[in-house]
Protein backbone atom coordinates (compact mmCIF):
# COMPACT_ATOMS: atom_id res chain seq x y z
CA MET A 1 8.00 -12.78 12.60
CA SER A 2 5.00 -10.88 12.54
CA THR A 3 3.90 -7.28 11.83
CA PRO A 4 1.87 -4.90 14.19
CA TYR A 5 -1.18 -5.74 11.64
CA ALA A 6 -3.44 -8.49 12.86
CA THR A 7 -5.15 -8.96 9.40
CA GLN A 8 -4.11 -8.94 5.85
CA HIS A 9 -6.87 -6.35 5.25
CA GLU A 10 -5.32 -4.06 8.03
CA LEU A 11 -1.88 -4.54 6.28
CA GLU A 12 -3.22 -3.67 2.81
CA THR A 13 -5.02 -0.61 4.31
CA ALA A 14 -1.77 0.69 5.74
CA TRP A 15 0.11 0.21 2.40
CA ASP A 16 -2.81 1.80 0.58
CA GLN A 17 -2.49 4.89 3.03
CA LEU A 18 1.07 5.15 2.66
CA LEU A 19 0.78 5.20 -1.35
CA ASP A 20 -1.89 7.64 -0.95
CA GLU A 21 0.09 9.96 1.33
CA THR A 22 3.26 9.65 -0.74
CA TYR A 23 1.88 10.24 -4.08
CA PRO A 24 -0.55 12.70 -5.53
CA CYS A 25 -4.20 12.07 -6.57
CA PHE A 26 -4.84 11.96 -10.25
CA TYR A 27 -7.72 14.34 -11.38
CA LEU A 28 -9.62 13.40 -14.50
CA ALA A 29 -12.91 15.62 -15.36
CA SER A 30 -14.63 15.53 -12.05
CA SER A 31 -13.08 12.29 -10.76
CA VAL A 32 -10.36 11.76 -8.48
CA PHE A 33 -8.15 8.81 -8.22
CA MET A 34 -6.20 7.65 -5.43
CA PRO A 35 -2.69 6.29 -6.20
CA SER A 36 -3.44 3.19 -4.44
CA GLN A 37 -6.32 2.53 -6.38
CA ILE A 38 -4.40 3.29 -9.73
CA LEU A 39 -1.51 0.85 -8.82
CA LYS A 40 -3.72 -1.84 -7.53
CA THR A 41 -5.97 -1.83 -10.74
CA LEU A 42 -3.41 -1.02 -13.43
CA ASP A 43 -0.60 -2.94 -12.30
CA PRO A 44 -1.62 -5.54 -9.45
CA ILE A 45 1.61 -7.48 -9.60
CA MET A 46 3.69 -4.29 -8.67
CA TYR A 47 1.12 -3.44 -5.97
CA ASN A 48 1.60 -6.86 -4.33
CA GLU A 49 5.47 -6.66 -4.71
CA GLY A 50 5.18 -3.40 -2.98
CA LEU A 51 2.89 -4.86 -0.45
CA LEU A 52 5.36 -7.62 0.29
CA ASP A 53 8.45 -5.15 0.74
CA PHE A 54 6.51 -3.08 3.02
CA GLU A 55 5.56 -6.13 5.17
CA ASP A 56 9.06 -7.19 5.14
CA GLY A 57 10.43 -3.64 6.08
CA LEU A 58 7.66 -3.96 9.02
CA MET A 59 8.78 -7.26 10.29
CA LYS A 60 12.53 -6.01 10.17
CA MET A 61 11.52 -2.96 12.34
CA GLU A 62 9.61 -5.36 14.77
CA ASP A 63 12.98 -7.48 15.07
CA GLU A 64 15.14 -4.46 15.95
C-alpha cells in the first residue's frame, strides 16, 4: 500500500497544509503562528499521531 506522495516530506507538507487550512492562525503581537507549527513544536507526539492517521486515511482511499 502507498500514498499519492512520493516522499515523507511531501506527506508532511500535505498534512501541514490540511492543518493550516482547517484551523485558524494564532496572532501574538506582530507574529503569526501557523497551526501546523504550533502542534509540531508544542506536541510533536500528537502531530506524528495525526500524520499517521492522515497517511492511513490516504492509503484506504487508494485501495477503494
